[in-house]
Amino acid sequence: MQMKFQPEKSDATRITAYEASGIYIGTERIDKSLVLGSHGERFDWQADNFESLTEAHFERLGASKPELIIFGSGTKIKFPHPTLIKALMHARIGVETMDTAAACRTYNILAGEGRHVVGAFLIESAC
């Protein structure tokens, strides 16, 4: 028995590749922390490392009222303190934390399904 797949019909921006020092969108390489939304949101996240994250970083993620925020915490999974995401919790916006590689894959899947998702991808600067 053969299973046929339907091509994705989403116009969402897709991540084409990931490495520890950057994310690729098409052939464009981004080497700093980035926020990417399935409804066209895109901006530099201005976070050099996990320790520099503040409440303001996470509050900005909820501006477009996504269903879910995927937080890619770098090469290792690191969970943000609840005080950092309290504004999102009050707005009833879910936050899922995973390493950035997994976050890229998850973002692509959810965006491809037509979900309104925002990915916040931490690319830690080399010291």
PDB file of N, CA and C in Angstrom:
ATOM      1  N   MET A   1       0.841  -1.182   0.000  1.00  0.00           N
ATOM      2  CA  MET A   1       0.000   0.000   0.000  1.00  0.00           C
ATOM      3  C   MET A   1       0.886   1.245   0.000  1.00  0.00           C
ATOM      4  N   GLN A   2       0.541   2.195  -0.828  1.00  0.00           N
ATOM      5  CA  GLN A   2       1.318   3.417  -0.941  1.00  0.00           C
ATOM      6  C   GLN A   2       0.608   4.545  -0.214  1.00  0.00           C
ATOM      7  N   MET A   3       1.386   5.347   0.545  1.00  0.00           N
ATOM      8  CA  MET A   3       0.818   6.497   1.241  1.00  0.00           C
ATOM      9  C   MET A   3       1.258   7.752   0.508  1.00  0.00           C
ATOM     10  N   LYS A   4       0.295   8.577   0.125  1.00  0.00           N
ATOM     11  CA  LYS A   4       0.606   9.808  -0.577  1.00  0.00           C
ATOM     12  C   LYS A   4       0.539  10.973   0.405  1.00  0.00           C
ATOM     13  N   PHE A   5       1.477  11.874   0.264  1.00  0.00           N
ATOM     14  CA  PHE A   5       1.514  13.055   1.103  1.00  0.00           C
ATOM     15  C   PHE A   5       1.104  14.262   0.284  1.00  0.00           C
ATOM     16  N   GLN A   6       0.402  15.167   0.916  1.00  0.00           N
ATOM     17  CA  GLN A   6       0.016  16.409   0.279  1.00  0.00           C
ATOM     18  C   GLN A   6       1.090  17.458   0.561  1.00  0.00           C
ATOM     19  N   PRO A   7       1.440  18.265  -0.425  1.00  0.00           N
ATOM     20  CA  PRO A   7       2.415  19.328  -0.162  1.00  0.00           C
ATOM     21  C   PRO A   7       1.836  20.338   0.814  1.00  0.00           C
ATOM     22  N   GLU A   8       2.708  20.899   1.639  1.00  0.00           N
ATOM     23  CA  GLU A   8       2.258  21.901   2.591  1.00  0.00           C
ATOM     24  C   GLU A   8       1.796  23.137   1.844  1.00  0.00           C
ATOM     25  N   LYS A   9       0.744  23.735   2.331  1.00  0.00           N
ATOM     26  CA  LYS A   9       0.175  24.890   1.668  1.00  0.00           C
ATOM     27  C   LYS A   9       0.376  26.155   2.483  1.00  0.00           C
ATOM     28  N   SER A  10       1.312  26.129   3.385  1.00  0.00           N
ATOM     29  CA  SER A  10       1.566  27.269   4.238  1.00  0.00           C
ATOM     30  C   SER A  10       2.521  28.246   3.572  1.00  0.00           C
ATOM     31  N   ASP A  11       2.262  29.531   3.766  1.00  0.00           N
ATOM     32  CA  ASP A  11       3.161  30.567   3.276  1.00  0.00           C
ATOM     33  C   ASP A  11       4.130  31.013   4.360  1.00  0.00           C
ATOM     34  N   ALA A  12       4.130  30.334   5.499  1.00  0.00           N
ATOM     35  CA  ALA A  12       4.976  30.715   6.621  1.00  0.00           C
ATOM     36  C   ALA A  12       6.450  30.619   6.254  1.00  0.00           C
ATOM     37  N   THR A  13       7.229  31.521   6.799  1.00  0.00           N
ATOM     38  CA  THR A  13       8.677  31.472   6.626  1.00  0.00           C
ATOM     39  C   THR A  13       9.198  30.202   7.276  1.00  0.00           C
ATOM     40  N   ARG A  14      10.060  29.494   6.567  1.00  0.00           N
ATOM     41  CA  ARG A  14      10.582  28.213   7.050  1.00  0.00           C
ATOM     42  C   ARG A  14      12.072  28.306   7.313  1.00  0.00           C
ATOM     43  N   ILE A  15      12.514  27.580   8.294  1.00  0.00           N
ATOM     44  CA  ILE A  15      13.930  27.455   8.596  1.00  0.00           C
ATOM     45  C   ILE A  15      14.457  26.306   7.743  1.00  0.00           C
ATOM     46  N   THR A  16      15.516  26.564   6.990  1.00  0.00           N
ATOM     47  CA  THR A  16      16.037  25.544   6.086  1.00  0.00           C
ATOM     48  C   THR A  16      17.207  24.780   6.669  1.00  0.00           C
ATOM     49  N   ALA A  17      17.907  25.349   7.655  1.00  0.00           N
ATOM     50  CA  ALA A  17      19.025  24.648   8.283  1.00  0.00           C
ATOM     51  C   ALA A  17      19.360  25.313   9.608  1.00  0.00           C
ATOM     52  N   TYR A  18      20.020  24.554  10.461  1.00  0.00           N
ATOM     53  CA  TYR A  18      20.457  25.052  11.758  1.00  0.00           C
ATOM     54  C   TYR A  18      21.838  24.501  12.055  1.00  0.00           C
ATOM     55  N   GLU A  19      22.665  25.328  12.663  1.00  0.00           N
ATOM     56  CA  GLU A  19      23.921  24.888  13.265  1.00  0.00           C
ATOM     57  C   GLU A  19      24.090  25.724  14.529  1.00  0.00           C
ATOM     58  N   ALA A  20      24.956  25.307  15.423  1.00  0.00           N
ATOM     59  CA  ALA A  20      25.087  25.968  16.724  1.00  0.00           C
ATOM     60  C   ALA A  20      25.345  27.469  16.611  1.00  0.00           C
ATOM     61  N   SER A  21      25.966  27.899  15.537  1.00  0.00           N
ATOM     62  CA  SER A  21      26.301  29.310  15.396  1.00  0.00           C
ATOM     63  C   SER A  21      25.354  30.090  14.482  1.00  0.00           C
ATOM     64  N   GLY A  22      24.281  29.456  14.015  1.00  0.00           N
ATOM     65  CA  GLY A  22      23.369  30.196  13.163  1.00  0.00           C
ATOM     66  C   GLY A  22      22.201  29.392  12.635  1.00  0.00           C
ATOM     67  N   ILE A  23      21.237  30.126  12.113  1.00  0.00           N
ATOM     68  CA  ILE A  23      20.025  29.565  11.513  1.00  0.00           C
ATOM     69  C   ILE A  23      19.969  30.045  10.075  1.00  0.00           C
ATOM     70  N   TYR A  24      19.487  29.195   9.177  1.00  0.00           N
ATOM     71  CA  TYR A  24      19.327  29.563   7.778  1.00  0.00           C
ATOM     72  C   TYR A  24      17.843  29.662   7.445  1.00  0.00           C
ATOM     73  N   ILE A  25      17.503  30.754   6.788  1.00  0.00           N
ATOM     74  CA  ILE A  25      16.166  30.935   6.232  1.00  0.00           C
ATOM     75  C   ILE A  25      16.396  31.086   4.737  1.00  0.00           C
ATOM     76  N   GLY A  26      16.051  30.046   4.003  1.00  0.00           N
ATOM     77  CA  GLY A  26      16.460  29.986   2.601  1.00  0.00           C
ATOM     78  C   GLY A  26      17.979  29.888   2.576  1.00  0.00           C
ATOM     79  N   THR A  27      18.621  30.759   1.835  1.00  0.00           N
ATOM     80  CA  THR A  27      20.090  30.773   1.813  1.00  0.00           C
ATOM     81  C   THR A  27      20.667  31.835   2.745  1.00  0.00           C
ATOM     82  N   GLU A  28      19.802  32.605   3.388  1.00  0.00           N
ATOM     83  CA  GLU A  28      20.258  33.646   4.315  1.00  0.00           C
ATOM     84  C   GLU A  28      20.676  33.028   5.642  1.00  0.00           C
ATOM     85  N   ARG A  29      21.876  33.352   6.097  1.00  0.00           N
ATOM     86  CA  ARG A  29      22.374  32.858   7.383  1.00  0.00           C
ATOM     87  C   ARG A  29      22.219  33.957   8.424  1.00  0.00           C
ATOM     88  N   ILE A  30      21.573  33.612   9.542  1.00  0.00           N
ATOM     89  CA  ILE A  30      21.401  34.536  10.655  1.00  0.00           C
ATOM     90  C   ILE A  30      22.247  34.012  11.804  1.00  0.00           C
ATOM     91  N   ASP A  31      23.161  34.848  12.302  1.00  0.00           N
ATOM     92  CA  ASP A  31      24.072  34.379  13.334  1.00  0.00           C
ATOM     93  C   ASP A  31      23.850  35.044  14.687  1.00  0.00           C
ATOM     94  N   LYS A  32      22.664  35.608  14.892  1.00  0.00           N
ATOM     95  CA  LYS A  32      22.303  36.151  16.197  1.00  0.00           C
ATOM     96  C   LYS A  32      20.891  35.712  16.546  1.00  0.00           C
ATOM     97  N   SER A  33      20.573  35.843  17.812  1.00  0.00           N
ATOM     98  CA  SER A  33      19.260  35.403  18.289  1.00  0.00           C
ATOM     99  C   SER A  33      18.152  36.060  17.482  1.00  0.00           C
ATOM    100  N   LEU A  34      17.111  35.283  17.206  1.00  0.00           N
ATOM    101  CA  LEU A  34      16.087  35.693  16.254  1.00  0.00           C
ATOM    102  C   LEU A  34      14.707  35.264  16.740  1.00  0.00           C
ATOM    103  N   VAL A  35      13.718  36.088  16.450  1.00  0.00           N
ATOM    104  CA  VAL A  35      12.322  35.724  16.642  1.00  0.00           C
ATOM    105  C   VAL A  35      11.705  35.625  15.250  1.00  0.00           C
ATOM    106  N   LEU A  36      11.023  34.515  15.021  1.00  0.00           N
ATOM    107  CA  LEU A  36      10.417  34.255  13.717  1.00  0.00           C
ATOM    108  C   LEU A  36       9.001  33.759  13.944  1.00  0.00           C
ATOM    109  N   GLY A  37       8.036  34.391  13.296  1.00  0.00           N
ATOM    110  CA  GLY A  37       6.650  33.999  13.460  1.00  0.00           C
ATOM    111  C   GLY A  37       6.045  33.500  12.169  1.00  0.00           C
ATOM    112  N   SER A  38       5.116  32.602  12.293  1.00  0.00           N
ATOM    113  CA  SER A  38       4.480  32.011  11.117  1.00  0.00           C
ATOM    114  C   SER A  38       3.567  32.987  10.379  1.00  0.00           C
ATOM    115  N   HIS A  39       3.254  34.120  10.999  1.00  0.00           N
ATOM    116  CA  HIS A  39       2.440  35.143  10.332  1.00  0.00           C
ATOM    117  C   HIS A  39       3.296  36.312   9.853  1.00  0.00           C
ATOM    118  N   GLY A  40       4.594  36.065   9.665  1.00  0.00           N
ATOM    119  CA  GLY A  40       5.474  37.083   9.103  1.00  0.00           C
ATOM    120  C   GLY A  40       6.297  37.864  10.109  1.00  0.00           C
ATOM    121  N   GLU A  41       6.111  37.621  11.392  1.00  0.00           N
ATOM    122  CA  GLU A  41       6.898  38.325  12.390  1.00  0.00           C
ATOM    123  C   GLU A  41       8.363  37.913  12.266  1.00  0.00           C
ATOM    124  N   ARG A  42       9.252  38.883  12.354  1.00  0.00           N
ATOM    125  CA  ARG A  42      10.679  38.562  12.327  1.00  0.00           C
ATOM    126  C   ARG A  42      11.448  39.754  12.885  1.00  0.00           C
ATOM    127  N   PHE A  43      12.259  39.504  13.899  1.00  0.00           N
ATOM    128  CA  PHE A  43      13.113  40.552  14.429  1.00  0.00           C
ATOM    129  C   PHE A  43      14.267  39.948  15.219  1.00  0.00           C
ATOM    130  N   ASP A  44      15.347  40.733  15.323  1.00  0.00           N
ATOM    131  CA  ASP A  44      16.477  40.324  16.156  1.00  0.00           C
ATOM    132  C   ASP A  44      15.990  40.288  17.597  1.00  0.00           C
ATOM    133  N   TRP A  45      16.416  39.262  18.326  1.00  0.00           N
ATOM    134  CA  TRP A  45      15.952  39.120  19.705  1.00  0.00           C
ATOM    135  C   TRP A  45      16.860  39.840  20.683  1.00  0.00           C
ATOM    136  N   GLN A  46      18.034  40.250  20.283  1.00  0.00           N
ATOM    137  CA  GLN A  46      18.961  41.022  21.092  1.00  0.00           C
ATOM    138  C   GLN A  46      19.272  40.361  22.436  1.00  0.00           C
ATOM    139  N   ALA A  47      19.595  39.084  22.364  1.00  0.00           N
ATOM    140  CA  ALA A  47      20.016  38.320  23.543  1.00  0.00           C
ATOM    141  C   ALA A  47      21.271  37.550  23.142  1.00  0.00           C
ATOM    142  N   ASP A  48      22.377  37.837  23.813  1.00  0.00           N
ATOM    143  CA  ASP A  48      23.638  37.185  23.473  1.00  0.00           C
ATOM    144  C   ASP A  48      23.796  35.817  24.118  1.00  0.00           C
ATOM    145  N   ASN A  49      23.097  35.602  25.228  1.00  0.00           N
ATOM    146  CA  ASN A  49      23.182  34.318  25.927  1.00  0.00           C
ATOM    147  C   ASN A  49      21.975  34.150  26.840  1.00  0.00           C
ATOM    148  N   PHE A  50      21.812  32.959  27.366  1.00  0.00           N
ATOM    149  CA  PHE A  50      20.660  32.635  28.196  1.00  0.00           C
ATOM    150  C   PHE A  50      20.583  33.535  29.428  1.00  0.00           C
ATOM    151  N   GLU A  51      21.726  33.799  30.033  1.00  0.00           N
ATOM    152  CA  GLU A  51      21.769  34.583  31.261  1.00  0.00           C
ATOM    153  C   GLU A  51      21.339  36.035  31.053  1.00  0.00           C
ATOM    154  N   SER A  52      21.390  36.534  29.826  1.00  0.00           N
ATOM    155  CA  SER A  52      21.018  37.926  29.559  1.00  0.00           C
ATOM    156  C   SER A  52      19.519  38.116  29.323  1.00  0.00           C
ATOM    157  N   LEU A  53      18.749  37.040  29.283  1.00  0.00           N
ATOM    158  CA  LEU A  53      17.310  37.151  29.018  1.00  0.00           C
ATOM    159  C   LEU A  53      16.579  37.813  30.189  1.00  0.00           C
ATOM    160  N   THR A  54      15.619  38.673  29.856  1.00  0.00           N
ATOM    161  CA  THR A  54      14.822  39.377  30.855  1.00  0.00           C
ATOM    162  C   THR A  54      13.337  39.202  30.546  1.00  0.00           C
ATOM    163  N   GLU A  55      12.501  39.691  31.443  1.00  0.00           N
ATOM    164  CA  GLU A  55      11.053  39.660  31.207  1.00  0.00           C
ATOM    165  C   GLU A  55      10.704  40.380  29.902  1.00  0.00           C
ATOM    166  N   ALA A  56      11.381  41.480  29.618  1.00  0.00           N
ATOM    167  CA  ALA A  56      11.093  42.266  28.413  1.00  0.00           C
ATOM    168  C   ALA A  56      11.316  41.438  27.143  1.00  0.00           C
ATOM    169  N   HIS A  57      12.336  40.577  27.138  1.00  0.00           N
ATOM    170  CA  HIS A  57      12.561  39.715  25.968  1.00  0.00           C
ATOM    171  C   HIS A  57      11.330  38.849  25.692  1.00  0.00           C
ATOM    172  N   PHE A  58      10.768  38.276  26.735  1.00  0.00           N
ATOM    173  CA  PHE A  58       9.642  37.361  26.561  1.00  0.00           C
ATOM    174  C   PHE A  58       8.324  38.103  26.346  1.00  0.00           C
ATOM    175  N   GLU A  59       8.145  39.266  26.973  1.00  0.00           N
ATOM    176  CA  GLU A  59       6.907  40.032  26.786  1.00  0.00           C
ATOM    177  C   GLU A  59       6.695  40.382  25.318  1.00  0.00           C
ATOM    178  N   ARG A  60       7.765  40.738  24.637  1.00  0.00           N
ATOM    179  CA  ARG A  60       7.661  41.127  23.226  1.00  0.00           C
ATOM    180  C   ARG A  60       7.159  39.978  22.353  1.00  0.00           C
ATOM    181  N   LEU A  61       7.412  38.746  22.775  1.00  0.00           N
ATOM    182  CA  LEU A  61       7.008  37.578  21.985  1.00  0.00           C
ATOM    183  C   LEU A  61       5.488  37.427  21.884  1.00  0.00           C
ATOM    184  N   GLY A  62       4.778  37.930  22.865  1.00  0.00           N
ATOM    185  CA  GLY A  62       3.332  37.770  22.880  1.00  0.00           C
ATOM    186  C   GLY A  62       2.574  38.838  22.120  1.00  0.00           C
ATOM    187  N   ALA A  63       3.257  39.826  21.559  1.00  0.00           N
ATOM    188  CA  ALA A  63       2.590  40.958  20.909  1.00  0.00           C
ATOM    189  C   ALA A  63       1.644  40.545  19.791  1.00  0.00           C
ATOM    190  N   SER A  64       1.994  39.505  19.038  1.00  0.00           N
ATOM    191  CA  SER A  64       1.137  39.092  17.923  1.00  0.00           C
ATOM    192  C   SER A  64       0.104  38.043  18.335  1.00  0.00           C
ATOM    193  N   LYS A  65       0.022  37.760  19.616  1.00  0.00           N
ATOM    194  CA  LYS A  65      -0.967  36.812  20.164  1.00  0.00           C
ATOM    195  C   LYS A  65      -0.904  35.433  19.508  1.00  0.00           C
ATOM    196  N   PRO A  66       0.281  34.804  19.508  1.00  0.00           N
ATOM    197  CA  PRO A  66       0.379  33.471  18.898  1.00  0.00           C
ATOM    198  C   PRO A  66      -0.306  32.420  19.752  1.00  0.00           C
ATOM    199  N   GLU A  67      -0.584  31.271  19.145  1.00  0.00           N
ATOM    200  CA  GLU A  67      -1.115  30.132  19.898  1.00  0.00           C
ATOM    201  C   GLU A  67      -0.053  29.584  20.847  1.00  0.00           C
ATOM    202  N   LEU A  68       1.191  29.611  20.371  1.00  0.00           N
ATOM    203  CA  LEU A  68       2.278  28.963  21.093  1.00  0.00           C
ATOM    204  C   LEU A  68       3.597  29.649  20.764  1.00  0.00           C
ATOM    205  N   ILE A  69       4.470  29.710  21.759  1.00  0.00           N
ATOM    206  CA  ILE A  69       5.831  30.200  21.559  1.00  0.00           C
ATOM    207  C   ILE A  69       6.773  29.030  21.770  1.00  0.00           C
ATOM    208  N   ILE A  70       7.641  28.814  20.807  1.00  0.00           N
ATOM    209  CA  ILE A  70       8.669  27.783  20.896  1.00  0.00           C
ATOM    210  C   ILE A  70       9.966  28.502  21.248  1.00  0.00           C
ATOM    211  N   PHE A  71      10.519  28.220  22.421  1.00  0.00           N
ATOM    212  CA  PHE A  71      11.761  28.848  22.866  1.00  0.00           C
ATOM    213  C   PHE A  71      12.917  27.885  22.679  1.00  0.00           C
ATOM    214  N   GLY A  72      13.828  28.233  21.791  1.00  0.00           N
ATOM    215  CA  GLY A  72      15.047  27.460  21.572  1.00  0.00           C
ATOM    216  C   GLY A  72      16.147  28.048  22.434  1.00  0.00           C
ATOM    217  N   SER A  73      16.546  27.318  23.472  1.00  0.00           N
ATOM    218  CA  SER A  73      17.417  27.856  24.521  1.00  0.00           C
ATOM    219  C   SER A  73      18.909  27.748  24.244  1.00  0.00           C
ATOM    220  N   GLY A  74      19.301  27.415  23.027  1.00  0.00           N
ATOM    221  CA  GLY A  74      20.722  27.265  22.709  1.00  0.00           C
ATOM    222  C   GLY A  74      21.049  25.805  22.443  1.00  0.00           C
ATOM    223  N   THR A  75      22.306  25.447  22.592  1.00  0.00           N
ATOM    224  CA  THR A  75      22.727  24.075  22.290  1.00  0.00           C
ATOM    225  C   THR A  75      22.258  23.081  23.353  1.00  0.00           C
ATOM    226  N   LYS A  76      21.911  23.564  24.531  1.00  0.00           N
ATOM    227  CA  LYS A  76      21.380  22.706  25.600  1.00  0.00           C
ATOM    228  C   LYS A  76      20.052  23.276  26.072  1.00  0.00           C
ATOM    229  N   ILE A  77      19.191  22.399  26.552  1.00  0.00           N
ATOM    230  CA  ILE A  77      17.899  22.860  27.040  1.00  0.00           C
ATOM    231  C   ILE A  77      18.074  23.541  28.397  1.00  0.00           C
ATOM    232  N   LYS A  78      17.554  24.757  28.474  1.00  0.00           N
ATOM    233  CA  LYS A  78      17.589  25.549  29.702  1.00  0.00           C
ATOM    234  C   LYS A  78      16.224  26.207  29.838  1.00  0.00           C
ATOM    235  N   PHE A  79      15.573  25.997  30.953  1.00  0.00           N
ATOM    236  CA  PHE A  79      14.227  26.521  31.141  1.00  0.00           C
ATOM    237  C   PHE A  79      14.270  27.928  31.742  1.00  0.00           C
ATOM    238  N   PRO A  80      13.508  28.857  31.156  1.00  0.00           N
ATOM    239  CA  PRO A  80      13.466  30.203  31.733  1.00  0.00           C
ATOM    240  C   PRO A  80      12.739  30.179  33.072  1.00  0.00           C
ATOM    241  N   HIS A  81      13.184  31.022  33.987  1.00  0.00           N
ATOM    242  CA  HIS A  81      12.522  31.133  35.286  1.00  0.00           C
ATOM    243  C   HIS A  81      11.086  31.607  35.050  1.00  0.00           C
ATOM    244  N   PRO A  82      10.134  31.105  35.824  1.00  0.00           N
ATOM    245  CA  PRO A  82       8.731  31.506  35.627  1.00  0.00           C
ATOM    246  C   PRO A  82       8.493  33.018  35.654  1.00  0.00           C
ATOM    247  N   THR A  83       9.310  33.772  36.372  1.00  0.00           N
ATOM    248  CA  THR A  83       9.112  35.228  36.384  1.00  0.00           C
ATOM    249  C   THR A  83       9.364  35.846  35.010  1.00  0.00           C
ATOM    250  N   LEU A  84      10.199  35.190  34.199  1.00  0.00           N
ATOM    251  CA  LEU A  84      10.486  35.733  32.872  1.00  0.00           C
ATOM    252  C   LEU A  84       9.308  35.575  31.916  1.00  0.00           C
ATOM    253  N   ILE A  85       8.497  34.559  32.124  1.00  0.00           N
ATOM    254  CA  ILE A  85       7.394  34.287  31.191  1.00  0.00           C
ATOM    255  C   ILE A  85       6.019  34.543  31.811  1.00  0.00           C
ATOM    256  N   LYS A  86       5.990  35.231  32.943  1.00  0.00           N
ATOM    257  CA  LYS A  86       4.705  35.432  33.624  1.00  0.00           C
ATOM    258  C   LYS A  86       3.700  36.210  32.782  1.00  0.00           C
ATOM    259  N   ALA A  87       4.151  37.203  31.998  1.00  0.00           N
ATOM    260  CA  ALA A  87       3.217  37.960  31.148  1.00  0.00           C
ATOM    261  C   ALA A  87       2.577  37.044  30.108  1.00  0.00           C
ATOM    262  N   LEU A  88       3.348  36.103  29.570  1.00  0.00           N
ATOM    263  CA  LEU A  88       2.809  35.157  28.595  1.00  0.00           C
ATOM    264  C   LEU A  88       1.823  34.198  29.255  1.00  0.00           C
ATOM    265  N   MET A  89       2.149  33.751  30.459  1.00  0.00           N
ATOM    266  CA  MET A  89       1.229  32.862  31.184  1.00  0.00           C
ATOM    267  C   MET A  89      -0.083  33.579  31.465  1.00  0.00           C
ATOM    268  N   HIS A  90      -0.028  34.859  31.875  1.00  0.00           N
ATOM    269  CA  HIS A  90      -1.254  35.625  32.135  1.00  0.00           C
ATOM    270  C   HIS A  90      -2.079  35.823  30.868  1.00  0.00           C
ATOM    271  N   ALA A  91      -1.404  35.916  29.729  1.00  0.00           N
ATOM    272  CA  ALA A  91      -2.097  36.069  28.444  1.00  0.00           C
ATOM    273  C   ALA A  91      -2.556  34.729  27.880  1.00  0.00           C
ATOM    274  N   ARG A  92      -2.286  33.656  28.616  1.00  0.00           N
ATOM    275  CA  ARG A  92      -2.644  32.287  28.208  1.00  0.00           C
ATOM    276  C   ARG A  92      -1.994  31.885  26.886  1.00  0.00           C
ATOM    277  N   ILE A  93      -0.737  32.289  26.744  1.00  0.00           N
ATOM    278  CA  ILE A  93       0.063  31.892  25.588  1.00  0.00           C
ATOM    279  C   ILE A  93       1.051  30.837  26.068  1.00  0.00           C
ATOM    280  N   GLY A  94       0.996  29.670  25.471  1.00  0.00           N
ATOM    281  CA  GLY A  94       1.870  28.580  25.870  1.00  0.00           C
ATOM    282  C   GLY A  94       3.308  28.826  25.449  1.00  0.00           C
ATOM    283  N   VAL A  95       4.240  28.353  26.276  1.00  0.00           N
ATOM    284  CA  VAL A  95       5.667  28.441  25.975  1.00  0.00           C
ATOM    285  C   VAL A  95       6.255  27.044  26.121  1.00  0.00           C
ATOM    286  N   GLU A  96       6.841  26.556  25.050  1.00  0.00           N
ATOM    287  CA  GLU A  96       7.533  25.270  25.070  1.00  0.00           C
ATOM    288  C   GLU A  96       9.018  25.529  24.926  1.00  0.00           C
ATOM    289  N   THR A  97       9.809  24.923  25.786  1.00  0.00           N
ATOM    290  CA  THR A  97      11.256  25.121  25.774  1.00  0.00           C
ATOM    291  C   THR A  97      11.946  23.857  25.306  1.00  0.00           C
ATOM    292  N   MET A  98      12.926  24.046  24.428  1.00  0.00           N
ATOM    293  CA  MET A  98      13.740  22.929  23.935  1.00  0.00           C
ATOM    294  C   MET A  98      15.049  23.504  23.426  1.00  0.00           C
ATOM    295  N   ASP A  99      16.015  22.643  23.110  1.00  0.00           N
ATOM    296  CA  ASP A  99      17.243  23.183  22.528  1.00  0.00           C
ATOM    297  C   ASP A  99      16.894  23.782  21.166  1.00  0.00           C
ATOM    298  N   THR A 100      17.761  24.646  20.661  1.00  0.00           N
ATOM    299  CA  THR A 100      17.434  25.396  19.452  1.00  0.00           C
ATOM    300  C   THR A 100      17.249  24.502  18.229  1.00  0.00           C
ATOM    301  N   ALA A 101      18.008  23.433  18.120  1.00  0.00           N
ATOM    302  CA  ALA A 101      17.825  22.529  16.973  1.00  0.00           C
ATOM    303  C   ALA A 101      16.418  21.943  16.970  1.00  0.00           C
ATOM    304  N   ALA A 102      15.967  21.448  18.110  1.00  0.00           N
ATOM    305  CA  ALA A 102      14.615  20.889  18.221  1.00  0.00           C
ATOM    306  C   ALA A 102      13.562  21.978  18.016  1.00  0.00           C
ATOM    307  N   ALA A 103      13.836  23.179  18.504  1.00  0.00           N
ATOM    308  CA  ALA A 103      12.893  24.287  18.344  1.00  0.00           C
ATOM    309  C   ALA A 103      12.719  24.641  16.865  1.00  0.00           C
ATOM    310  N   CYS A 104      13.795  24.600  16.097  1.00  0.00           N
ATOM    311  CA  CYS A 104      13.700  24.874  14.656  1.00  0.00           C
ATOM    312  C   CYS A 104      12.808  23.843  13.969  1.00  0.00           C
ATOM    313  N   ARG A 105      13.020  22.570  14.283  1.00  0.00           N
ATOM    314  CA  ARG A 105      12.207  21.508  13.679  1.00  0.00           C
ATOM    315  C   ARG A 105      10.737  21.657  14.071  1.00  0.00           C
ATOM    316  N   THR A 106      10.496  21.917  15.354  1.00  0.00           N
ATOM    317  CA  THR A 106       9.121  22.043  15.849  1.00  0.00           C
ATOM    318  C   THR A 106       8.426  23.250  15.234  1.00  0.00           C
ATOM    319  N   TYR A 107       9.140  24.366  15.144  1.00  0.00           N
ATOM    320  CA  TYR A 107       8.580  25.558  14.501  1.00  0.00           C
ATOM    321  C   TYR A 107       8.140  25.234  13.072  1.00  0.00           C
ATOM    322  N   ASN A 108       9.009  24.582  12.304  1.00  0.00           N
ATOM    323  CA  ASN A 108       8.681  24.258  10.917  1.00  0.00           C
ATOM    324  C   ASN A 108       7.437  23.381  10.815  1.00  0.00           C
ATOM    325  N   ILE A 109       7.321  22.402  11.688  1.00  0.00           N
ATOM    326  CA  ILE A 109       6.155  21.509  11.663  1.00  0.00           C
ATOM    327  C   ILE A 109       4.884  22.283  11.947  1.00  0.00           C
ATOM    328  N   LEU A 110       4.883  23.060  13.033  1.00  0.00           N
ATOM    329  CA  LEU A 110       3.673  23.790  13.425  1.00  0.00           C
ATOM    330  C   LEU A 110       3.318  24.879  12.409  1.00  0.00           C
ATOM    331  N   ALA A 111       4.317  25.603  11.916  1.00  0.00           N
ATOM    332  CA  ALA A 111       4.058  26.636  10.908  1.00  0.00           C
ATOM    333  C   ALA A 111       3.521  25.995   9.631  1.00  0.00           C
ATOM    334  N   GLY A 112       4.063  24.829   9.269  1.00  0.00           N
ATOM    335  CA  GLY A 112       3.604  24.115   8.082  1.00  0.00           C
ATOM    336  C   GLY A 112       2.165  23.641   8.190  1.00  0.00           C
ATOM    337  N   GLU A 113       1.703  23.448   9.418  1.00  0.00           N
ATOM    338  CA  GLU A 113       0.307  23.057   9.653  1.00  0.00           C
ATOM    339  C   GLU A 113      -0.626  24.254   9.637  1.00  0.00           C
ATOM    340  N   GLY A 114      -0.061  25.449   9.466  1.00  0.00           N
ATOM    341  CA  GLY A 114      -0.886  26.651   9.452  1.00  0.00           C
ATOM    342  C   GLY A 114      -1.166  27.225  10.823  1.00  0.00           C
ATOM    343  N   ARG A 115      -0.464  26.744  11.836  1.00  0.00           N
ATOM    344  CA  ARG A 115      -0.664  27.256  13.200  1.00  0.00           C
ATOM    345  C   ARG A 115       0.016  28.617  13.344  1.00  0.00           C
ATOM    346  N   HIS A 116      -0.527  29.463  14.210  1.00  0.00           N
ATOM    347  CA  HIS A 116       0.115  30.744  14.506  1.00  0.00           C
ATOM    348  C   HIS A 116       1.095  30.517  15.649  1.00  0.00           C
ATOM    349  N   VAL A 117       2.349  30.327  15.278  1.00  0.00           N
ATOM    350  CA  VAL A 117       3.408  30.003  16.223  1.00  0.00           C
ATOM    351  C   VAL A 117       4.537  31.011  16.070  1.00  0.00           C
ATOM    352  N   VAL A 118       5.199  31.299  17.193  1.00  0.00           N
ATOM    353  CA  VAL A 118       6.370  32.165  17.191  1.00  0.00           C
ATOM    354  C   VAL A 118       7.538  31.364  17.740  1.00  0.00           C
ATOM    355  N   GLY A 119       8.643  31.406  17.030  1.00  0.00           N
ATOM    356  CA  GLY A 119       9.869  30.763  17.502  1.00  0.00           C
ATOM    357  C   GLY A 119      10.841  31.817  17.983  1.00  0.00           C
ATOM    358  N   ALA A 120      11.360  31.639  19.190  1.00  0.00           N
ATOM    359  CA  ALA A 120      12.389  32.519  19.744  1.00  0.00           C
ATOM    360  C   ALA A 120      13.651  31.676  19.858  1.00  0.00           C
ATOM    361  N   PHE A 121      14.603  31.934  19.006  1.00  0.00           N
ATOM    362  CA  PHE A 121      15.778  31.088  18.863  1.00  0.00           C
ATOM    363  C   PHE A 121      17.014  31.785  19.411  1.00  0.00           C
ATOM    364  N   LEU A 122      17.569  31.239  20.463  1.00  0.00           N
ATOM    365  CA  LEU A 122      18.757  31.802  21.082  1.00  0.00           C
ATOM    366  C   LEU A 122      20.001  31.248  20.397  1.00  0.00           C
ATOM    367  N   ILE A 123      20.757  32.150  19.808  1.00  0.00           N
ATOM    368  CA  ILE A 123      22.054  31.802  19.201  1.00  0.00           C
ATOM    369  C   ILE A 123      23.087  32.485  20.091  1.00  0.00           C
ATOM    370  N   GLU A 124      23.783  31.700  20.882  1.00  0.00           N
ATOM    371  CA  GLU A 124      24.715  32.278  21.845  1.00  0.00           C
ATOM    372  C   GLU A 124      26.003  32.706  21.154  1.00  0.00           C
ATOM    373  N   SER A 125      26.411  33.914  21.447  1.00  0.00           N
ATOM    374  CA  SER A 125      27.632  34.473  20.877  1.00  0.00           C
ATOM    375  C   SER A 125      28.843  33.719  21.374  1.00  0.00           C
ATOM    376  N   ALA A 126      29.787  33.493  20.478  1.00  0.00           N
ATOM    377  CA  ALA A 126      31.032  32.838  20.878  1.00  0.00           C
ATOM    378  C   ALA A 126      31.837  33.782  21.759  1.00  0.00           C
ATOM    379  N   CYS A 127      32.431  33.235  22.792  1.00  0.00           N
ATOM    380  CA  CYS A 127      33.230  34.061  23.710  1.00  0.00           C
ATOM    381  C   CYS A 127      34.661  34.167  23.239  1.00  0.00           C
TER     382      CYS A 127
END
